[in-house]
Amino acid sequence: MVAVTIRNLPEETHRALKLRAAKNGHSTEAEIRAILEDAVHPADSVKVGSALAAFGRRFGGLDLDVSRDPAPMKPATFE
């Protein structure tokens, strides 16, 4: 696991982090980890596939008549 050092953190910010950690029942280090995780991986982020599906639904979707070809695939030739 990677270690990160934060320099020049104002004392007031450090106190606020300690209070927030105590309120949430975490150590200060665990609270900072949680804050960083939430910042880079927000819970409300939308995955690309979900966004594309929603986009398609918004514009009426796409009706494809797709059927699988049961024939075996032919190997590629490089001649």
PDB file of N, CA and C in Angstrom:
ATOM      1  N   MET A   1       0.842  -1.168   0.000  1.00  0.00           N
ATOM      2  CA  MET A   1       0.000   0.000   0.000  1.00  0.00           C
ATOM      3  C   MET A   1       0.889   1.234   0.000  1.00  0.00           C
ATOM      4  N   VAL A   2       0.440   2.256  -0.670  1.00  0.00           N
ATOM      5  CA  VAL A   2       1.198   3.492  -0.824  1.00  0.00           C
ATOM      6  C   VAL A   2       1.006   4.387   0.392  1.00  0.00           C
ATOM      7  N   ALA A   3       2.066   5.072   0.777  1.00  0.00           N
ATOM      8  CA  ALA A   3       1.990   6.047   1.872  1.00  0.00           C
ATOM      9  C   ALA A   3       2.078   7.444   1.273  1.00  0.00           C
ATOM     10  N   VAL A   4       1.286   8.364   1.796  1.00  0.00           N
ATOM     11  CA  VAL A   4       1.264   9.746   1.316  1.00  0.00           C
ATOM     12  C   VAL A   4       1.523  10.659   2.506  1.00  0.00           C
ATOM     13  N   THR A   5       2.374  11.653   2.302  1.00  0.00           N
ATOM     14  CA  THR A   5       2.650  12.648   3.333  1.00  0.00           C
ATOM     15  C   THR A   5       2.073  13.980   2.875  1.00  0.00           C
ATOM     16  N   ILE A   6       1.341  14.631   3.752  1.00  0.00           N
ATOM     17  CA  ILE A   6       0.763  15.936   3.438  1.00  0.00           C
ATOM     18  C   ILE A   6       1.474  16.972   4.286  1.00  0.00           C
ATOM     19  N   ARG A   7       2.112  17.908   3.612  1.00  0.00           N
ATOM     20  CA  ARG A   7       2.854  18.957   4.316  1.00  0.00           C
ATOM     21  C   ARG A   7       2.065  20.260   4.288  1.00  0.00           C
ATOM     22  N   ASN A   8       2.376  21.111   5.235  1.00  0.00           N
ATOM     23  CA  ASN A   8       1.801  22.467   5.310  1.00  0.00           C
ATOM     24  C   ASN A   8       0.282  22.461   5.440  1.00  0.00           C
ATOM     25  N   LEU A   9      -0.242  21.479   6.145  1.00  0.00           N
ATOM     26  CA  LEU A   9      -1.677  21.437   6.416  1.00  0.00           C
ATOM     27  C   LEU A   9      -1.961  22.404   7.562  1.00  0.00           C
ATOM     28  N   PRO A  10      -2.864  23.338   7.372  1.00  0.00           N
ATOM     29  CA  PRO A  10      -3.156  24.277   8.456  1.00  0.00           C
ATOM     30  C   PRO A  10      -3.642  23.542   9.712  1.00  0.00           C
ATOM     31  N   GLU A  11      -3.249  24.051  10.861  1.00  0.00           N
ATOM     32  CA  GLU A  11      -3.622  23.444  12.143  1.00  0.00           C
ATOM     33  C   GLU A  11      -5.136  23.359  12.283  1.00  0.00           C
ATOM     34  N   GLU A  12      -5.835  24.375  11.823  1.00  0.00           N
ATOM     35  CA  GLU A  12      -7.302  24.382  11.904  1.00  0.00           C
ATOM     36  C   GLU A  12      -7.904  23.218  11.097  1.00  0.00           C
ATOM     37  N   THR A  13      -7.334  22.948   9.935  1.00  0.00           N
ATOM     38  CA  THR A  13      -7.806  21.832   9.108  1.00  0.00           C
ATOM     39  C   THR A  13      -7.531  20.507   9.804  1.00  0.00           C
ATOM     40  N   HIS A  14      -6.369  20.382  10.407  1.00  0.00           N
ATOM     41  CA  HIS A  14      -6.025  19.153  11.120  1.00  0.00           C
ATOM     42  C   HIS A  14      -6.981  18.927  12.293  1.00  0.00           C
ATOM     43  N   ARG A  15      -7.280  19.982  13.027  1.00  0.00           N
ATOM     44  CA  ARG A  15      -8.234  19.856  14.138  1.00  0.00           C
ATOM     45  C   ARG A  15      -9.611  19.432  13.623  1.00  0.00           C
ATOM     46  N   ALA A  16     -10.040  20.032  12.510  1.00  0.00           N
ATOM     47  CA  ALA A  16     -11.345  19.686  11.937  1.00  0.00           C
ATOM     48  C   ALA A  16     -11.375  18.226  11.493  1.00  0.00           C
ATOM     49  N   LEU A  17     -10.276  17.742  10.934  1.00  0.00           N
ATOM     50  CA  LEU A  17     -10.197  16.333  10.534  1.00  0.00           C
ATOM     51  C   LEU A  17     -10.268  15.413  11.746  1.00  0.00           C
ATOM     52  N   LYS A  18      -9.577  15.790  12.818  1.00  0.00           N
ATOM     53  CA  LYS A  18      -9.609  14.978  14.037  1.00  0.00           C
ATOM     54  C   LYS A  18     -11.014  14.933  14.624  1.00  0.00           C
ATOM     55  N   LEU A  19     -11.707  16.075  14.625  1.00  0.00           N
ATOM     56  CA  LEU A  19     -13.082  16.114  15.134  1.00  0.00           C
ATOM     57  C   LEU A  19     -14.018  15.277  14.267  1.00  0.00           C
ATOM     58  N   ARG A  20     -13.866  15.407  12.960  1.00  0.00           N
ATOM     59  CA  ARG A  20     -14.705  14.627  12.042  1.00  0.00           C
ATOM     60  C   ARG A  20     -14.454  13.132  12.222  1.00  0.00           C
ATOM     61  N   ALA A  21     -13.199  12.748  12.390  1.00  0.00           N
ATOM     62  CA  ALA A  21     -12.860  11.341  12.592  1.00  0.00           C
ATOM     63  C   ALA A  21     -13.480  10.817  13.881  1.00  0.00           C
ATOM     64  N   ALA A  22     -13.385  11.598  14.947  1.00  0.00           N
ATOM     65  CA  ALA A  22     -13.962  11.181  16.230  1.00  0.00           C
ATOM     66  C   ALA A  22     -15.476  11.042  16.114  1.00  0.00           C
ATOM     67  N   LYS A  23     -16.093  11.975  15.420  1.00  0.00           N
ATOM     68  CA  LYS A  23     -17.545  11.933  15.229  1.00  0.00           C
ATOM     69  C   LYS A  23     -17.972  10.667  14.482  1.00  0.00           C
ATOM     70  N   ASN A  24     -17.155  10.238  13.518  1.00  0.00           N
ATOM     71  CA  ASN A  24     -17.467   9.049  12.721  1.00  0.00           C
ATOM     72  C   ASN A  24     -16.887   7.762  13.299  1.00  0.00           C
ATOM     73  N   GLY A  25     -16.214   7.869  14.437  1.00  0.00           N
ATOM     74  CA  GLY A  25     -15.654   6.682  15.081  1.00  0.00           C
ATOM     75  C   GLY A  25     -14.447   6.110  14.358  1.00  0.00           C
ATOM     76  N   HIS A  26     -13.707   6.961  13.658  1.00  0.00           N
ATOM     77  CA  HIS A  26     -12.516   6.531  12.920  1.00  0.00           C
ATOM     78  C   HIS A  26     -11.276   7.174  13.519  1.00  0.00           C
ATOM     79  N   SER A  27     -10.136   6.611  13.160  1.00  0.00           N
ATOM     80  CA  SER A  27      -8.888   7.316  13.433  1.00  0.00           C
ATOM     81  C   SER A  27      -8.788   8.450  12.412  1.00  0.00           C
ATOM     82  N   THR A  28      -7.919   9.405  12.682  1.00  0.00           N
ATOM     83  CA  THR A  28      -7.745  10.509  11.736  1.00  0.00           C
ATOM     84  C   THR A  28      -7.276   9.977  10.391  1.00  0.00           C
ATOM     85  N   GLU A  29      -6.365   9.029  10.421  1.00  0.00           N
ATOM     86  CA  GLU A  29      -5.850   8.444   9.180  1.00  0.00           C
ATOM     87  C   GLU A  29      -6.962   7.748   8.396  1.00  0.00           C
ATOM     88  N   ALA A  30      -7.798   6.984   9.076  1.00  0.00           N
ATOM     89  CA  ALA A  30      -8.904   6.295   8.398  1.00  0.00           C
ATOM     90  C   ALA A  30      -9.894   7.298   7.817  1.00  0.00           C
ATOM     91  N   GLU A  31     -10.123   8.387   8.527  1.00  0.00           N
ATOM     92  CA  GLU A  31     -11.045   9.412   8.032  1.00  0.00           C
ATOM     93  C   GLU A  31     -10.492  10.074   6.775  1.00  0.00           C
ATOM     94  N   ILE A  32      -9.206  10.370   6.767  1.00  0.00           N
ATOM     95  CA  ILE A  32      -8.586  10.969   5.584  1.00  0.00           C
ATOM     96  C   ILE A  32      -8.664  10.006   4.407  1.00  0.00           C
ATOM     97  N   ARG A  33      -8.424   8.710   4.657  1.00  0.00           N
ATOM     98  CA  ARG A  33      -8.558   7.710   3.584  1.00  0.00           C
ATOM     99  C   ARG A  33      -9.970   7.706   3.020  1.00  0.00           C
ATOM    100  N   ALA A  34     -10.968   7.750   3.901  1.00  0.00           N
ATOM    101  CA  ALA A  34     -12.368   7.746   3.460  1.00  0.00           C
ATOM    102  C   ALA A  34     -12.683   8.994   2.637  1.00  0.00           C
ATOM    103  N   ILE A  35     -12.179  10.136   3.061  1.00  0.00           N
ATOM    104  CA  ILE A  35     -12.408  11.384   2.324  1.00  0.00           C
ATOM    105  C   ILE A  35     -11.792  11.293   0.930  1.00  0.00           C
ATOM    106  N   LEU A  36     -10.564  10.797   0.854  1.00  0.00           N
ATOM    107  CA  LEU A  36      -9.898  10.676  -0.442  1.00  0.00           C
ATOM    108  C   LEU A  36     -10.617   9.678  -1.348  1.00  0.00           C
ATOM    109  N   GLU A  37     -11.043   8.540  -0.795  1.00  0.00           N
ATOM    110  CA  GLU A  37     -11.783   7.544  -1.586  1.00  0.00           C
ATOM    111  C   GLU A  37     -13.068   8.142  -2.139  1.00  0.00           C
ATOM    112  N   ASP A  38     -13.806   8.860  -1.299  1.00  0.00           N
ATOM    113  CA  ASP A  38     -15.055   9.483  -1.752  1.00  0.00           C
ATOM    114  C   ASP A  38     -14.798  10.535  -2.827  1.00  0.00           C
ATOM    115  N   ALA A  39     -13.665  11.214  -2.726  1.00  0.00           N
ATOM    116  CA  ALA A  39     -13.353  12.265  -3.695  1.00  0.00           C
ATOM    117  C   ALA A  39     -13.038  11.692  -5.073  1.00  0.00           C
ATOM    118  N   VAL A  40     -12.328  10.574  -5.123  1.00  0.00           N
ATOM    119  CA  VAL A  40     -11.929  10.027  -6.426  1.00  0.00           C
ATOM    120  C   VAL A  40     -12.875   8.955  -6.949  1.00  0.00           C
ATOM    121  N   HIS A  41     -13.699   8.380  -6.087  1.00  0.00           N
ATOM    122  CA  HIS A  41     -14.677   7.372  -6.495  1.00  0.00           C
ATOM    123  C   HIS A  41     -16.042   7.730  -5.922  1.00  0.00           C
ATOM    124  N   PRO A  42     -16.667   8.790  -6.430  1.00  0.00           N
ATOM    125  CA  PRO A  42     -17.962   9.191  -5.864  1.00  0.00           C
ATOM    126  C   PRO A  42     -19.025   8.116  -6.068  1.00  0.00           C
ATOM    127  N   ALA A  43     -19.905   7.981  -5.091  1.00  0.00           N
ATOM    128  CA  ALA A  43     -20.947   6.952  -5.137  1.00  0.00           C
ATOM    129  C   ALA A  43     -21.945   7.208  -6.249  1.00  0.00           C
ATOM    130  N   ASP A  44     -22.128   8.466  -6.634  1.00  0.00           N
ATOM    131  CA  ASP A  44     -23.124   8.780  -7.650  1.00  0.00           C
ATOM    132  C   ASP A  44     -22.552   8.827  -9.061  1.00  0.00           C
ATOM    133  N   SER A  45     -21.320   8.325  -9.249  1.00  0.00           N
ATOM    134  CA  SER A  45     -20.749   8.338 -10.589  1.00  0.00           C
ATOM    135  C   SER A  45     -21.473   7.330 -11.473  1.00  0.00           C
ATOM    136  N   VAL A  46     -21.618   7.665 -12.736  1.00  0.00           N
ATOM    137  CA  VAL A  46     -22.339   6.823 -13.684  1.00  0.00           C
ATOM    138  C   VAL A  46     -21.325   6.107 -14.563  1.00  0.00           C
ATOM    139  N   LYS A  47     -21.492   4.814 -14.707  1.00  0.00           N
ATOM    140  CA  LYS A  47     -20.617   4.029 -15.569  1.00  0.00           C
ATOM    141  C   LYS A  47     -20.963   4.322 -17.030  1.00  0.00           C
ATOM    142  N   VAL A  48     -20.017   4.138 -17.928  1.00  0.00           N
ATOM    143  CA  VAL A  48     -20.210   4.462 -19.335  1.00  0.00           C
ATOM    144  C   VAL A  48     -21.353   3.659 -19.943  1.00  0.00           C
ATOM    145  N   GLY A  49     -21.412   2.362 -19.665  1.00  0.00           N
ATOM    146  CA  GLY A  49     -22.482   1.533 -20.217  1.00  0.00           C
ATOM    147  C   GLY A  49     -23.853   2.000 -19.766  1.00  0.00           C
ATOM    148  N   SER A  50     -23.970   2.359 -18.503  1.00  0.00           N
ATOM    149  CA  SER A  50     -25.247   2.858 -17.981  1.00  0.00           C
ATOM    150  C   SER A  50     -25.627   4.178 -18.640  1.00  0.00           C
ATOM    151  N   ALA A  51     -24.638   5.041 -18.853  1.00  0.00           N
ATOM    152  CA  ALA A  51     -24.911   6.324 -19.503  1.00  0.00           C
ATOM    153  C   ALA A  51     -25.367   6.118 -20.941  1.00  0.00           C
ATOM    154  N   LEU A  52     -24.721   5.191 -21.652  1.00  0.00           N
ATOM    155  CA  LEU A  52     -25.118   4.925 -23.035  1.00  0.00           C
ATOM    156  C   LEU A  52     -26.512   4.316 -23.109  1.00  0.00           C
ATOM    157  N   ALA A  53     -26.832   3.409 -22.190  1.00  0.00           N
ATOM    158  CA  ALA A  53     -28.165   2.803 -22.172  1.00  0.00           C
ATOM    159  C   ALA A  53     -29.230   3.857 -21.898  1.00  0.00           C
ATOM    160  N   ALA A  54     -28.964   4.757 -20.962  1.00  0.00           N
ATOM    161  CA  ALA A  54     -29.917   5.826 -20.654  1.00  0.00           C
ATOM    162  C   ALA A  54     -30.079   6.756 -21.850  1.00  0.00           C
ATOM    163  N   PHE A  55     -28.983   7.042 -22.524  1.00  0.00           N
ATOM    164  CA  PHE A  55     -29.028   7.885 -23.719  1.00  0.00           C
ATOM    165  C   PHE A  55     -29.905   7.237 -24.787  1.00  0.00           C
ATOM    166  N   GLY A  56     -29.733   5.939 -25.006  1.00  0.00           N
ATOM    167  CA  GLY A  56     -30.541   5.221 -25.987  1.00  0.00           C
ATOM    168  C   GLY A  56     -32.015   5.228 -25.632  1.00  0.00           C
ATOM    169  N   ARG A  57     -32.329   5.015 -24.351  1.00  0.00           N
ATOM    170  CA  ARG A  57     -33.731   5.027 -23.911  1.00  0.00           C
ATOM    171  C   ARG A  57     -34.358   6.400 -24.111  1.00  0.00           C
ATOM    172  N   ARG A  58     -33.574   7.438 -23.857  1.00  0.00           N
ATOM    173  CA  ARG A  58     -34.091   8.795 -23.979  1.00  0.00           C
ATOM    174  C   ARG A  58     -34.494   9.116 -25.423  1.00  0.00           C
ATOM    175  N   PHE A  59     -33.813   8.507 -26.381  1.00  0.00           N
ATOM    176  CA  PHE A  59     -34.109   8.768 -27.788  1.00  0.00           C
ATOM    177  C   PHE A  59     -34.880   7.629 -28.441  1.00  0.00           C
ATOM    178  N   GLY A  60     -35.610   6.863 -27.643  1.00  0.00           N
ATOM    179  CA  GLY A  60     -36.485   5.834 -28.196  1.00  0.00           C
ATOM    180  C   GLY A  60     -35.834   4.482 -28.387  1.00  0.00           C
ATOM    181  N   GLY A  61     -34.610   4.346 -28.014  1.00  0.00           N
ATOM    182  CA  GLY A  61     -33.956   3.048 -28.101  1.00  0.00           C
ATOM    183  C   GLY A  61     -33.595   2.679 -29.526  1.00  0.00           C
ATOM    184  N   LEU A  62     -33.231   1.441 -29.692  1.00  0.00           N
ATOM    185  CA  LEU A  62     -32.810   0.933 -30.981  1.00  0.00           C
ATOM    186  C   LEU A  62     -33.351  -0.473 -31.108  1.00  0.00           C
ATOM    187  N   ASP A  63     -34.090  -0.728 -32.146  1.00  0.00           N
ATOM    188  CA  ASP A  63     -34.690  -2.045 -32.339  1.00  0.00           C
ATOM    189  C   ASP A  63     -33.871  -2.800 -33.375  1.00  0.00           C
ATOM    190  N   LEU A  64     -33.056  -3.718 -32.921  1.00  0.00           N
ATOM    191  CA  LEU A  64     -32.222  -4.508 -33.817  1.00  0.00           C
ATOM    192  C   LEU A  64     -32.762  -5.923 -33.907  1.00  0.00           C
ATOM    193  N   ASP A  65     -32.804  -6.435 -35.117  1.00  0.00           N
ATOM    194  CA  ASP A  65     -33.184  -7.830 -35.311  1.00  0.00           C
ATOM    195  C   ASP A  65     -31.886  -8.602 -35.511  1.00  0.00           C
ATOM    196  N   VAL A  66     -31.299  -9.036 -34.431  1.00  0.00           N
ATOM    197  CA  VAL A  66     -30.003  -9.698 -34.473  1.00  0.00           C
ATOM    198  C   VAL A  66     -30.189 -11.164 -34.133  1.00  0.00           C
ATOM    199  N   SER A  67     -29.635 -12.008 -34.985  1.00  0.00           N
ATOM    200  CA  SER A  67     -29.664 -13.440 -34.681  1.00  0.00           C
ATOM    201  C   SER A  67     -28.249 -13.981 -34.825  1.00  0.00           C
ATOM    202  N   ARG A  68     -27.925 -14.908 -33.995  1.00  0.00           N
ATOM    203  CA  ARG A  68     -26.586 -15.493 -33.991  1.00  0.00           C
ATOM    204  C   ARG A  68     -26.465 -16.485 -35.133  1.00  0.00           C
ATOM    205  N   ASP A  69     -25.367 -16.408 -35.856  1.00  0.00           N
ATOM    206  CA  ASP A  69     -25.086 -17.351 -36.934  1.00  0.00           C
ATOM    207  C   ASP A  69     -24.502 -18.609 -36.305  1.00  0.00           C
ATOM    208  N   PRO A  70     -25.185 -19.753 -36.428  1.00  0.00           N
ATOM    209  CA  PRO A  70     -24.698 -20.972 -35.781  1.00  0.00           C
ATOM    210  C   PRO A  70     -23.509 -21.614 -36.489  1.00  0.00           C
ATOM    211  N   ALA A  71     -23.153 -21.145 -37.678  1.00  0.00           N
ATOM    212  CA  ALA A  71     -22.029 -21.737 -38.409  1.00  0.00           C
ATOM    213  C   ALA A  71     -20.724 -21.456 -37.675  1.00  0.00           C
ATOM    214  N   PRO A  72     -19.814 -22.428 -37.689  1.00  0.00           N
ATOM    215  CA  PRO A  72     -18.528 -22.197 -37.020  1.00  0.00           C
ATOM    216  C   PRO A  72     -17.747 -21.092 -37.738  1.00  0.00           C
ATOM    217  N   MET A  73     -16.937 -20.409 -36.962  1.00  0.00           N
ATOM    218  CA  MET A  73     -16.133 -19.330 -37.532  1.00  0.00           C
ATOM    219  C   MET A  73     -15.049 -19.902 -38.425  1.00  0.00           C
ATOM    220  N   LYS A  74     -14.723 -19.166 -39.464  1.00  0.00           N
ATOM    221  CA  LYS A  74     -13.628 -19.572 -40.350  1.00  0.00           C
ATOM    222  C   LYS A  74     -12.354 -18.924 -39.828  1.00  0.00           C
ATOM    223  N   PRO A  75     -11.275 -19.686 -39.759  1.00  0.00           N
ATOM    224  CA  PRO A  75     -10.026 -19.102 -39.267  1.00  0.00           C
ATOM    225  C   PRO A  75      -9.514 -18.036 -40.236  1.00  0.00           C
ATOM    226  N   ALA A  76      -8.833 -17.055 -39.685  1.00  0.00           N
ATOM    227  CA  ALA A  76      -8.268 -15.981 -40.497  1.00  0.00           C
ATOM    228  C   ALA A  76      -7.107 -16.514 -41.314  1.00  0.00           C
ATOM    229  N   THR A  77      -6.978 -16.011 -42.527  1.00  0.00           N
ATOM    230  CA  THR A  77      -5.826 -16.362 -43.362  1.00  0.00           C
ATOM    231  C   THR A  77      -5.024 -15.097 -43.597  1.00  0.00           C
ATOM    232  N   PHE A  78      -3.727 -15.248 -43.605  1.00  0.00           N
ATOM    233  CA  PHE A  78      -2.836 -14.098 -43.774  1.00  0.00           C
ATOM    234  C   PHE A  78      -1.970 -14.308 -45.008  1.00  0.00           C
ATOM    235  N   GLU A  79      -2.610 -14.376 -46.171  1.00  0.00           N
ATOM    236  CA  GLU A  79      -1.868 -14.598 -47.419  1.00  0.00           C
ATOM    237  C   GLU A  79      -1.890 -13.393 -48.288  1.00  0.00           C
TER     238      GLU A  79
END
